[in-house]
Amino acid sequence: QNRQVIVDDVRIRGIGKSEVKLNNTKVCSVVKTPGVQEIEVYYKDGYHKSQLLALSGVPPGTEVRGPAIILDKNCTVLIEPGSDAVITDQGNLKIRVGVDTSK
């Protein structure tokens, strides 16, 4: 009856599809060396030393084990502890959440 409606919060959920091919990527090396710059980052279970990497400096086929931060010219990607990322031949990141990175 002519009552004013106030919208306080709006949430939108999207589902996308990518044509990026990820299945042909072979891991050729693992980045986890003391020479890589590390910074302290707070995650849900506390602070962790995290690798700080430029995506342009990591060759295709490289596996980056979390915790890590991968910097690109358009974005910053956080790889949490217990997850990892593989750089594909096309320079994309294939992120695997909750994998065993202790190997």
PDB file of N, CA and C in Angstrom:
ATOM      1  N   GLN A   1       0.826  -1.196   0.000  1.00  0.00           N
ATOM      2  CA  GLN A   1       0.000   0.000   0.000  1.00  0.00           C
ATOM      3  C   GLN A   1       0.859   1.243   0.000  1.00  0.00           C
ATOM      4  N   ASN A   2       1.486   1.532  -1.116  1.00  0.00           N
ATOM      5  CA  ASN A   2       2.312   2.717  -1.290  1.00  0.00           C
ATOM      6  C   ASN A   2       3.406   2.841  -0.244  1.00  0.00           C
ATOM      7  N   ARG A   3       4.020   1.704   0.132  1.00  0.00           N
ATOM      8  CA  ARG A   3       5.107   1.736   1.106  1.00  0.00           C
ATOM      9  C   ARG A   3       6.431   1.826   0.371  1.00  0.00           C
ATOM     10  N   GLN A   4       7.367   2.545   0.912  1.00  0.00           N
ATOM     11  CA  GLN A   4       8.693   2.700   0.323  1.00  0.00           C
ATOM     12  C   GLN A   4       9.514   1.442   0.574  1.00  0.00           C
ATOM     13  N   VAL A   5      10.210   0.969  -0.462  1.00  0.00           N
ATOM     14  CA  VAL A   5      11.071  -0.202  -0.358  1.00  0.00           C
ATOM     15  C   VAL A   5      12.517   0.269  -0.373  1.00  0.00           C
ATOM     16  N   ILE A   6      13.291  -0.189   0.594  1.00  0.00           N
ATOM     17  CA  ILE A   6      14.707   0.157   0.675  1.00  0.00           C
ATOM     18  C   ILE A   6      15.518  -1.119   0.438  1.00  0.00           C
ATOM     19  N   VAL A   7      16.401  -1.096  -0.570  1.00  0.00           N
ATOM     20  CA  VAL A   7      17.289  -2.222  -0.855  1.00  0.00           C
ATOM     21  C   VAL A   7      18.597  -1.934  -0.153  1.00  0.00           C
ATOM     22  N   ASP A   8      18.937  -2.780   0.814  1.00  0.00           N
ATOM     23  CA  ASP A   8      20.120  -2.570   1.633  1.00  0.00           C
ATOM     24  C   ASP A   8      21.338  -3.302   1.083  1.00  0.00           C
ATOM     25  N   ASP A   9      21.138  -4.454   0.460  1.00  0.00           N
ATOM     26  CA  ASP A   9      22.261  -5.269   0.020  1.00  0.00           C
ATOM     27  C   ASP A   9      21.840  -6.067  -1.212  1.00  0.00           C
ATOM     28  N   VAL A  10      22.714  -6.145  -2.204  1.00  0.00           N
ATOM     29  CA  VAL A  10      22.452  -6.925  -3.405  1.00  0.00           C
ATOM     30  C   VAL A  10      23.652  -7.826  -3.642  1.00  0.00           C
ATOM     31  N   ARG A  11      23.398  -9.093  -3.878  1.00  0.00           N
ATOM     32  CA  ARG A  11      24.462 -10.044  -4.180  1.00  0.00           C
ATOM     33  C   ARG A  11      24.165 -10.702  -5.514  1.00  0.00           C
ATOM     34  N   ILE A  12      25.214 -10.861  -6.309  1.00  0.00           N
ATOM     35  CA  ILE A  12      25.064 -11.477  -7.622  1.00  0.00           C
ATOM     36  C   ILE A  12      26.045 -12.633  -7.711  1.00  0.00           C
ATOM     37  N   ARG A  13      25.580 -13.761  -8.148  1.00  0.00           N
ATOM     38  CA  ARG A  13      26.439 -14.928  -8.327  1.00  0.00           C
ATOM     39  C   ARG A  13      26.472 -15.253  -9.816  1.00  0.00           C
ATOM     40  N   GLY A  14      27.670 -15.438 -10.340  1.00  0.00           N
ATOM     41  CA  GLY A  14      27.802 -15.744 -11.762  1.00  0.00           C
ATOM     42  C   GLY A  14      28.498 -17.069 -11.971  1.00  0.00           C
ATOM     43  N   ILE A  15      28.166 -17.719 -13.046  1.00  0.00           N
ATOM     44  CA  ILE A  15      28.816 -18.955 -13.441  1.00  0.00           C
ATOM     45  C   ILE A  15      29.391 -18.731 -14.834  1.00  0.00           C
ATOM     46  N   GLY A  16      30.670 -19.012 -15.000  1.00  0.00           N
ATOM     47  CA  GLY A  16      31.312 -18.763 -16.283  1.00  0.00           C
ATOM     48  C   GLY A  16      31.919 -20.014 -16.866  1.00  0.00           C
ATOM     49  N   LYS A  17      32.216 -19.946 -18.134  1.00  0.00           N
ATOM     50  CA  LYS A  17      32.865 -21.044 -18.826  1.00  0.00           C
ATOM     51  C   LYS A  17      34.054 -20.487 -19.593  1.00  0.00           C
ATOM     52  N   SER A  18      35.147 -21.188 -19.536  1.00  0.00           N
ATOM     53  CA  SER A  18      36.358 -20.744 -20.212  1.00  0.00           C
ATOM     54  C   SER A  18      36.751 -21.753 -21.271  1.00  0.00           C
ATOM     55  N   GLU A  19      37.311 -21.275 -22.336  1.00  0.00           N
ATOM     56  CA  GLU A  19      37.805 -22.145 -23.394  1.00  0.00           C
ATOM     57  C   GLU A  19      39.291 -22.441 -23.213  1.00  0.00           C
ATOM     58  N   VAL A  20      39.861 -22.059 -22.057  1.00  0.00           N
ATOM     59  CA  VAL A  20      41.278 -22.284 -21.786  1.00  0.00           C
ATOM     60  C   VAL A  20      41.528 -23.768 -21.598  1.00  0.00           C
ATOM     61  N   LYS A  21      42.504 -24.303 -22.292  1.00  0.00           N
ATOM     62  CA  LYS A  21      42.856 -25.716 -22.183  1.00  0.00           C
ATOM     63  C   LYS A  21      43.867 -25.892 -21.064  1.00  0.00           C
ATOM     64  N   LEU A  22      43.531 -26.737 -20.083  1.00  0.00           N
ATOM     65  CA  LEU A  22      44.403 -26.927 -18.932  1.00  0.00           C
ATOM     66  C   LEU A  22      44.950 -28.341 -18.829  1.00  0.00           C
ATOM     67  N   ASN A  23      44.400 -29.279 -19.559  1.00  0.00           N
ATOM     68  CA  ASN A  23      44.758 -30.686 -19.371  1.00  0.00           C
ATOM     69  C   ASN A  23      46.128 -31.069 -19.901  1.00  0.00           C
ATOM     70  N   ASN A  24      46.700 -30.301 -20.813  1.00  0.00           N
ATOM     71  CA  ASN A  24      47.969 -30.685 -21.432  1.00  0.00           C
ATOM     72  C   ASN A  24      49.197 -30.161 -20.701  1.00  0.00           C
ATOM     73  N   THR A  25      49.011 -29.533 -19.556  1.00  0.00           N
ATOM     74  CA  THR A  25      50.137 -28.939 -18.837  1.00  0.00           C
ATOM     75  C   THR A  25      50.919 -30.011 -18.090  1.00  0.00           C
ATOM     76  N   LYS A  26      52.224 -30.026 -18.284  1.00  0.00           N
ATOM     77  CA  LYS A  26      53.101 -30.940 -17.568  1.00  0.00           C
ATOM     78  C   LYS A  26      53.941 -30.124 -16.600  1.00  0.00           C
ATOM     79  N   VAL A  27      54.016 -30.579 -15.366  1.00  0.00           N
ATOM     80  CA  VAL A  27      54.826 -29.883 -14.370  1.00  0.00           C
ATOM     81  C   VAL A  27      56.287 -30.203 -14.642  1.00  0.00           C
ATOM     82  N   CYS A  28      57.094 -29.147 -14.872  1.00  0.00           N
ATOM     83  CA  CYS A  28      58.507 -29.384 -15.164  1.00  0.00           C
ATOM     84  C   CYS A  28      59.409 -28.975 -14.009  1.00  0.00           C
ATOM     85  N   SER A  29      58.895 -28.134 -13.116  1.00  0.00           N
ATOM     86  CA  SER A  29      59.706 -27.753 -11.958  1.00  0.00           C
ATOM     87  C   SER A  29      58.787 -27.227 -10.870  1.00  0.00           C
ATOM     88  N   VAL A  30      59.285 -27.212  -9.673  1.00  0.00           N
ATOM     89  CA  VAL A  30      58.522 -26.720  -8.532  1.00  0.00           C
ATOM     90  C   VAL A  30      59.269 -25.536  -7.946  1.00  0.00           C
ATOM     91  N   VAL A  31      58.536 -24.427  -7.761  1.00  0.00           N
ATOM     92  CA  VAL A  31      59.148 -23.245  -7.176  1.00  0.00           C
ATOM     93  C   VAL A  31      58.948 -23.302  -5.672  1.00  0.00           C
ATOM     94  N   LYS A  32      60.002 -23.462  -4.931  1.00  0.00           N
ATOM     95  CA  LYS A  32      59.978 -23.406  -3.470  1.00  0.00           C
ATOM     96  C   LYS A  32      61.414 -23.341  -3.013  1.00  0.00           C
ATOM     97  N   THR A  33      62.053 -22.221  -3.301  1.00  0.00           N
ATOM     98  CA  THR A  33      63.470 -22.097  -2.994  1.00  0.00           C
ATOM     99  C   THR A  33      63.703 -20.955  -2.030  1.00  0.00           C
ATOM    100  N   PRO A  34      64.712 -21.047  -1.192  1.00  0.00           N
ATOM    101  CA  PRO A  34      64.999 -19.983  -0.234  1.00  0.00           C
ATOM    102  C   PRO A  34      65.385 -18.661  -0.898  1.00  0.00           C
ATOM    103  N   GLY A  35      65.865 -18.703  -2.159  1.00  0.00           N
ATOM    104  CA  GLY A  35      66.286 -17.487  -2.838  1.00  0.00           C
ATOM    105  C   GLY A  35      65.147 -16.595  -3.299  1.00  0.00           C
ATOM    106  N   VAL A  36      63.934 -17.128  -3.341  1.00  0.00           N
ATOM    107  CA  VAL A  36      62.775 -16.346  -3.773  1.00  0.00           C
ATOM    108  C   VAL A  36      62.362 -15.416  -2.639  1.00  0.00           C
ATOM    109  N   GLN A  37      61.986 -14.182  -2.994  1.00  0.00           N
ATOM    110  CA  GLN A  37      61.568 -13.229  -1.959  1.00  0.00           C
ATOM    111  C   GLN A  37      60.349 -13.753  -1.219  1.00  0.00           C
ATOM    112  N   GLU A  38      60.372 -13.666   0.096  1.00  0.00           N
ATOM    113  CA  GLU A  38      59.253 -14.103   0.927  1.00  0.00           C
ATOM    114  C   GLU A  38      58.797 -12.965   1.827  1.00  0.00           C
ATOM    115  N   ILE A  39      57.486 -12.927   2.073  1.00  0.00           N
ATOM    116  CA  ILE A  39      56.916 -11.948   2.992  1.00  0.00           C
ATOM    117  C   ILE A  39      55.949 -12.673   3.919  1.00  0.00           C
ATOM    118  N   GLU A  40      55.699 -12.081   5.079  1.00  0.00           N
ATOM    119  CA  GLU A  40      54.742 -12.638   6.031  1.00  0.00           C
ATOM    120  C   GLU A  40      53.334 -12.200   5.629  1.00  0.00           C
ATOM    121  N   VAL A  41      52.428 -13.173   5.471  1.00  0.00           N
ATOM    122  CA  VAL A  41      51.049 -12.896   5.089  1.00  0.00           C
ATOM    123  C   VAL A  41      50.132 -13.603   6.077  1.00  0.00           C
ATOM    124  N   TYR A  42      49.062 -12.914   6.484  1.00  0.00           N
ATOM    125  CA  TYR A  42      48.108 -13.508   7.429  1.00  0.00           C
ATOM    126  C   TYR A  42      47.036 -14.282   6.676  1.00  0.00           C
ATOM    127  N   TYR A  43      46.881 -15.554   7.029  1.00  0.00           N
ATOM    128  CA  TYR A  43      45.821 -16.417   6.508  1.00  0.00           C
ATOM    129  C   TYR A  43      44.911 -16.769   7.674  1.00  0.00           C
ATOM    130  N   LYS A  44      43.872 -17.554   7.416  1.00  0.00           N
ATOM    131  CA  LYS A  44      42.891 -17.839   8.466  1.00  0.00           C
ATOM    132  C   LYS A  44      43.487 -18.573   9.668  1.00  0.00           C
ATOM    133  N   ASP A  45      44.603 -19.273   9.482  1.00  0.00           N
ATOM    134  CA  ASP A  45      45.215 -19.978  10.606  1.00  0.00           C
ATOM    135  C   ASP A  45      46.482 -19.289  11.122  1.00  0.00           C
ATOM    136  N   GLY A  46      46.695 -18.036  10.723  1.00  0.00           N
ATOM    137  CA  GLY A  46      47.838 -17.283  11.230  1.00  0.00           C
ATOM    138  C   GLY A  46      48.775 -16.827  10.125  1.00  0.00           C
ATOM    139  N   TYR A  47      49.943 -16.328  10.534  1.00  0.00           N
ATOM    140  CA  TYR A  47      50.927 -15.820   9.576  1.00  0.00           C
ATOM    141  C   TYR A  47      51.735 -16.957   8.962  1.00  0.00           C
ATOM    142  N   HIS A  48      52.029 -16.804   7.661  1.00  0.00           N
ATOM    143  CA  HIS A  48      52.873 -17.761   6.942  1.00  0.00           C
ATOM    144  C   HIS A  48      53.855 -16.977   6.078  1.00  0.00           C
ATOM    145  N   LYS A  49      55.095 -17.491   5.975  1.00  0.00           N
ATOM    146  CA  LYS A  49      56.023 -16.926   4.999  1.00  0.00           C
ATOM    147  C   LYS A  49      55.512 -17.320   3.622  1.00  0.00           C
ATOM    148  N   SER A  50      55.318 -16.327   2.759  1.00  0.00           N
ATOM    149  CA  SER A  50      54.730 -16.556   1.443  1.00  0.00           C
ATOM    150  C   SER A  50      55.675 -16.075   0.361  1.00  0.00           C
ATOM    151  N   GLN A  51      55.869 -16.911  -0.670  1.00  0.00           N
ATOM    152  CA  GLN A  51      56.685 -16.520  -1.810  1.00  0.00           C
ATOM    153  C   GLN A  51      56.017 -15.364  -2.540  1.00  0.00           C
ATOM    154  N   LEU A  52      56.801 -14.444  -3.031  1.00  0.00           N
ATOM    155  CA  LEU A  52      56.310 -13.318  -3.817  1.00  0.00           C
ATOM    156  C   LEU A  52      56.938 -13.435  -5.202  1.00  0.00           C
ATOM    157  N   LEU A  53      56.096 -13.730  -6.210  1.00  0.00           N
ATOM    158  CA  LEU A  53      56.599 -14.029  -7.555  1.00  0.00           C
ATOM    159  C   LEU A  53      55.930 -13.151  -8.597  1.00  0.00           C
ATOM    160  N   ALA A  54      56.673 -12.786  -9.631  1.00  0.00           N
ATOM    161  CA  ALA A  54      56.096 -12.116 -10.799  1.00  0.00           C
ATOM    162  C   ALA A  54      55.748 -13.205 -11.806  1.00  0.00           C
ATOM    163  N   LEU A  55      54.502 -13.214 -12.283  1.00  0.00           N
ATOM    164  CA  LEU A  55      54.074 -14.229 -13.238  1.00  0.00           C
ATOM    165  C   LEU A  55      54.952 -14.236 -14.481  1.00  0.00           C
ATOM    166  N   SER A  56      55.384 -13.072 -14.914  1.00  0.00           N
ATOM    167  CA  SER A  56      56.220 -12.976 -16.115  1.00  0.00           C
ATOM    168  C   SER A  56      57.579 -13.648 -15.936  1.00  0.00           C
ATOM    169  N   GLY A  57      58.009 -13.859 -14.707  1.00  0.00           N
ATOM    170  CA  GLY A  57      59.306 -14.472 -14.447  1.00  0.00           C
ATOM    171  C   GLY A  57      59.245 -15.965 -14.170  1.00  0.00           C
ATOM    172  N   VAL A  58      58.044 -16.549 -14.259  1.00  0.00           N
ATOM    173  CA  VAL A  58      57.897 -17.974 -13.979  1.00  0.00           C
ATOM    174  C   VAL A  58      57.583 -18.703 -15.286  1.00  0.00           C
ATOM    175  N   PRO A  59      58.436 -19.638 -15.713  1.00  0.00           N
ATOM    176  CA  PRO A  59      58.222 -20.302 -17.005  1.00  0.00           C
ATOM    177  C   PRO A  59      57.028 -21.261 -16.993  1.00  0.00           C
ATOM    178  N   PRO A  60      56.431 -21.500 -18.170  1.00  0.00           N
ATOM    179  CA  PRO A  60      55.320 -22.458 -18.268  1.00  0.00           C
ATOM    180  C   PRO A  60      55.726 -23.830 -17.741  1.00  0.00           C
ATOM    181  N   GLY A  61      54.783 -24.524 -17.131  1.00  0.00           N
ATOM    182  CA  GLY A  61      55.048 -25.843 -16.579  1.00  0.00           C
ATOM    183  C   GLY A  61      55.523 -25.813 -15.150  1.00  0.00           C
ATOM    184  N   THR A  62      55.714 -24.633 -14.599  1.00  0.00           N
ATOM    185  CA  THR A  62      56.200 -24.512 -13.230  1.00  0.00           C
ATOM    186  C   THR A  62      55.043 -24.638 -12.251  1.00  0.00           C
ATOM    187  N   GLU A  63      55.245 -25.387 -11.194  1.00  0.00           N
ATOM    188  CA  GLU A  63      54.270 -25.514 -10.112  1.00  0.00           C
ATOM    189  C   GLU A  63      54.690 -24.581  -8.984  1.00  0.00           C
ATOM    190  N   VAL A  64      53.774 -23.749  -8.543  1.00  0.00           N
ATOM    191  CA  VAL A  64      54.019 -22.841  -7.420  1.00  0.00           C
ATOM    192  C   VAL A  64      53.207 -23.344  -6.240  1.00  0.00           C
ATOM    193  N   ARG A  65      53.884 -23.730  -5.188  1.00  0.00           N
ATOM    194  CA  ARG A  65      53.199 -24.240  -4.009  1.00  0.00           C
ATOM    195  C   ARG A  65      52.872 -23.107  -3.052  1.00  0.00           C
ATOM    196  N   GLY A  66      51.654 -23.162  -2.518  1.00  0.00           N
ATOM    197  CA  GLY A  66      51.247 -22.171  -1.534  1.00  0.00           C
ATOM    198  C   GLY A  66      51.904 -22.429  -0.199  1.00  0.00           C
ATOM    199  N   PRO A  67      52.029 -21.402   0.594  1.00  0.00           N
ATOM    200  CA  PRO A  67      51.503 -20.052   0.388  1.00  0.00           C
ATOM    201  C   PRO A  67      52.390 -19.227  -0.549  1.00  0.00           C
ATOM    202  N   ALA A  68      51.718 -18.508  -1.460  1.00  0.00           N
ATOM    203  CA  ALA A  68      52.445 -17.674  -2.415  1.00  0.00           C
ATOM    204  C   ALA A  68      51.540 -16.556  -2.920  1.00  0.00           C
ATOM    205  N   ILE A  69      52.179 -15.495  -3.406  1.00  0.00           N
ATOM    206  CA  ILE A  69      51.474 -14.404  -4.060  1.00  0.00           C
ATOM    207  C   ILE A  69      52.105 -14.252  -5.433  1.00  0.00           C
ATOM    208  N   ILE A  70      51.262 -14.335  -6.473  1.00  0.00           N
ATOM    209  CA  ILE A  70      51.739 -14.220  -7.846  1.00  0.00           C
ATOM    210  C   ILE A  70      51.240 -12.888  -8.389  1.00  0.00           C
ATOM    211  N   LEU A  71      52.180 -12.040  -8.807  1.00  0.00           N
ATOM    212  CA  LEU A  71      51.854 -10.705  -9.291  1.00  0.00           C
ATOM    213  C   LEU A  71      51.865 -10.683 -10.811  1.00  0.00           C
ATOM    214  N   ASP A  72      50.852 -10.054 -11.388  1.00  0.00           N
ATOM    215  CA  ASP A  72      50.771  -9.860 -12.826  1.00  0.00           C
ATOM    216  C   ASP A  72      50.434  -8.398 -13.062  1.00  0.00           C
ATOM    217  N   LYS A  73      50.513  -7.943 -14.306  1.00  0.00           N
ATOM    218  CA  LYS A  73      50.262  -6.532 -14.578  1.00  0.00           C
ATOM    219  C   LYS A  73      48.809  -6.152 -14.336  1.00  0.00           C
ATOM    220  N   ASN A  74      47.876  -7.107 -14.399  1.00  0.00           N
ATOM    221  CA  ASN A  74      46.457  -6.800 -14.225  1.00  0.00           C
ATOM    222  C   ASN A  74      45.836  -7.358 -12.956  1.00  0.00           C
ATOM    223  N   CYS A  75      46.553  -8.208 -12.231  1.00  0.00           N
ATOM    224  CA  CYS A  75      45.943  -8.817 -11.047  1.00  0.00           C
ATOM    225  C   CYS A  75      47.004  -9.339 -10.090  1.00  0.00           C
ATOM    226  N   THR A  76      46.544  -9.671  -8.902  1.00  0.00           N
ATOM    227  CA  THR A  76      47.364 -10.319  -7.888  1.00  0.00           C
ATOM    228  C   THR A  76      46.641 -11.590  -7.474  1.00  0.00           C
ATOM    229  N   VAL A  77      47.342 -12.722  -7.486  1.00  0.00           N
ATOM    230  CA  VAL A  77      46.721 -14.001  -7.171  1.00  0.00           C
ATOM    231  C   VAL A  77      47.336 -14.544  -5.889  1.00  0.00           C
ATOM    232  N   LEU A  78      46.486 -14.894  -4.939  1.00  0.00           N
ATOM    233  CA  LEU A  78      46.911 -15.444  -3.661  1.00  0.00           C
ATOM    234  C   LEU A  78      46.723 -16.952  -3.697  1.00  0.00           C
ATOM    235  N   ILE A  79      47.799 -17.688  -3.503  1.00  0.00           N
ATOM    236  CA  ILE A  79      47.739 -19.148  -3.418  1.00  0.00           C
ATOM    237  C   ILE A  79      47.863 -19.496  -1.939  1.00  0.00           C
ATOM    238  N   GLU A  80      46.785 -19.998  -1.367  1.00  0.00           N
ATOM    239  CA  GLU A  80      46.746 -20.260   0.072  1.00  0.00           C
ATOM    240  C   GLU A  80      47.580 -21.478   0.454  1.00  0.00           C
ATOM    241  N   PRO A  81      47.941 -21.582   1.733  1.00  0.00           N
ATOM    242  CA  PRO A  81      48.624 -22.785   2.199  1.00  0.00           C
ATOM    243  C   PRO A  81      47.756 -24.014   1.897  1.00  0.00           C
ATOM    244  N   GLY A  82      48.392 -25.088   1.454  1.00  0.00           N
ATOM    245  CA  GLY A  82      47.641 -26.291   1.116  1.00  0.00           C
ATOM    246  C   GLY A  82      47.078 -26.271  -0.289  1.00  0.00           C
ATOM    247  N   SER A  83      47.414 -25.279  -1.080  1.00  0.00           N
ATOM    248  CA  SER A  83      46.987 -25.197  -2.475  1.00  0.00           C
ATOM    249  C   SER A  83      48.222 -24.973  -3.336  1.00  0.00           C
ATOM    250  N   ASP A  84      48.062 -25.122  -4.652  1.00  0.00           N
ATOM    251  CA  ASP A  84      49.165 -24.810  -5.547  1.00  0.00           C
ATOM    252  C   ASP A  84      48.621 -24.320  -6.875  1.00  0.00           C
ATOM    253  N   ALA A  85      49.519 -23.838  -7.719  1.00  0.00           N
ATOM    254  CA  ALA A  85      49.148 -23.344  -9.043  1.00  0.00           C
ATOM    255  C   ALA A  85      50.193 -23.819 -10.037  1.00  0.00           C
ATOM    256  N   VAL A  86      49.739 -24.126 -11.242  1.00  0.00           N
ATOM    257  CA  VAL A  86      50.635 -24.515 -12.328  1.00  0.00           C
ATOM    258  C   VAL A  86      50.474 -23.485 -13.434  1.00  0.00           C
ATOM    259  N   ILE A  87      51.590 -22.997 -13.961  1.00  0.00           N
ATOM    260  CA  ILE A  87      51.542 -22.059 -15.083  1.00  0.00           C
ATOM    261  C   ILE A  87      51.429 -22.895 -16.347  1.00  0.00           C
ATOM    262  N   THR A  88      50.358 -22.660 -17.132  1.00  0.00           N
ATOM    263  CA  THR A  88      50.131 -23.438 -18.351  1.00  0.00           C
ATOM    264  C   THR A  88      51.023 -22.931 -19.482  1.00  0.00           C
ATOM    265  N   ASP A  89      51.020 -23.652 -20.579  1.00  0.00           N
ATOM    266  CA  ASP A  89      51.799 -23.260 -21.753  1.00  0.00           C
ATOM    267  C   ASP A  89      51.343 -21.915 -22.312  1.00  0.00           C
ATOM    268  N   GLN A  90      50.079 -21.561 -22.070  1.00  0.00           N
ATOM    269  CA  GLN A  90      49.536 -20.295 -22.548  1.00  0.00           C
ATOM    270  C   GLN A  90      49.749 -19.154 -21.551  1.00  0.00           C
ATOM    271  N   GLY A  91      50.378 -19.437 -20.404  1.00  0.00           N
ATOM    272  CA  GLY A  91      50.629 -18.415 -19.400  1.00  0.00           C
ATOM    273  C   GLY A  91      49.485 -18.216 -18.423  1.00  0.00           C
ATOM    274  N   ASN A  92      48.508 -19.129 -18.427  1.00  0.00           N
ATOM    275  CA  ASN A  92      47.405 -19.071 -17.483  1.00  0.00           C
ATOM    276  C   ASN A  92      47.787 -19.799 -16.201  1.00  0.00           C
ATOM    277  N   LEU A  93      47.008 -19.601 -15.145  1.00  0.00           N
ATOM    278  CA  LEU A  93      47.226 -20.296 -13.884  1.00  0.00           C
ATOM    279  C   LEU A  93      46.147 -21.345 -13.690  1.00  0.00           C
ATOM    280  N   LYS A  94      46.576 -22.573 -13.433  1.00  0.00           N
ATOM    281  CA  LYS A  94      45.653 -23.630 -13.049  1.00  0.00           C
ATOM    282  C   LYS A  94      45.826 -23.814 -11.553  1.00  0.00           C
ATOM    283  N   ILE A  95      44.832 -23.369 -10.778  1.00  0.00           N
ATOM    284  CA  ILE A  95      44.935 -23.400  -9.315  1.00  0.00           C
ATOM    285  C   ILE A  95      44.227 -24.640  -8.786  1.00  0.00           C
ATOM    286  N   ARG A  96      44.937 -25.368  -7.943  1.00  0.00           N
ATOM    287  CA  ARG A  96      44.369 -26.553  -7.297  1.00  0.00           C
ATOM    288  C   ARG A  96      44.256 -26.252  -5.809  1.00  0.00           C
ATOM    289  N   VAL A  97      43.025 -26.253  -5.325  1.00  0.00           N
ATOM    290  CA  VAL A  97      42.747 -25.894  -3.933  1.00  0.00           C
ATOM    291  C   VAL A  97      42.730 -27.146  -3.073  1.00  0.00           C
ATOM    292  N   GLY A  98      43.418 -27.063  -1.931  1.00  0.00           N
ATOM    293  CA  GLY A  98      43.388 -28.149  -0.973  1.00  0.00           C
ATOM    294  C   GLY A  98      44.155 -29.385  -1.380  1.00  0.00           C
ATOM    295  N   VAL A  99      45.259 -29.226  -2.103  1.00  0.00           N
ATOM    296  CA  VAL A  99      46.089 -30.373  -2.471  1.00  0.00           C
ATOM    297  C   VAL A  99      47.193 -30.541  -1.436  1.00  0.00           C
ATOM    298  N   ASP A 100      47.782 -31.708  -1.393  1.00  0.00           N
ATOM    299  CA  ASP A 100      48.880 -31.955  -0.465  1.00  0.00           C
ATOM    300  C   ASP A 100      50.155 -31.375  -1.047  1.00  0.00           C
ATOM    301  N   THR A 101      50.656 -30.285  -0.465  1.00  0.00           N
ATOM    302  CA  THR A 101      51.860 -29.635  -0.971  1.00  0.00           C
ATOM    303  C   THR A 101      53.106 -29.992  -0.165  1.00  0.00           C
ATOM    304  N   SER A 102      53.009 -31.028   0.678  1.00  0.00           N
ATOM    305  CA  SER A 102      54.159 -31.388   1.523  1.00  0.00           C
ATOM    306  C   SER A 102      55.174 -32.253   0.793  1.00  0.00           C
ATOM    307  N   LYS A 103      54.866 -32.690  -0.439  1.00  0.00           N
ATOM    308  CA  LYS A 103      55.765 -33.576  -1.189  1.00  0.00           C
ATOM    309  C   LYS A 103      56.978 -32.849  -1.684  1.00  0.00           C
TER     310      LYS A 103
END
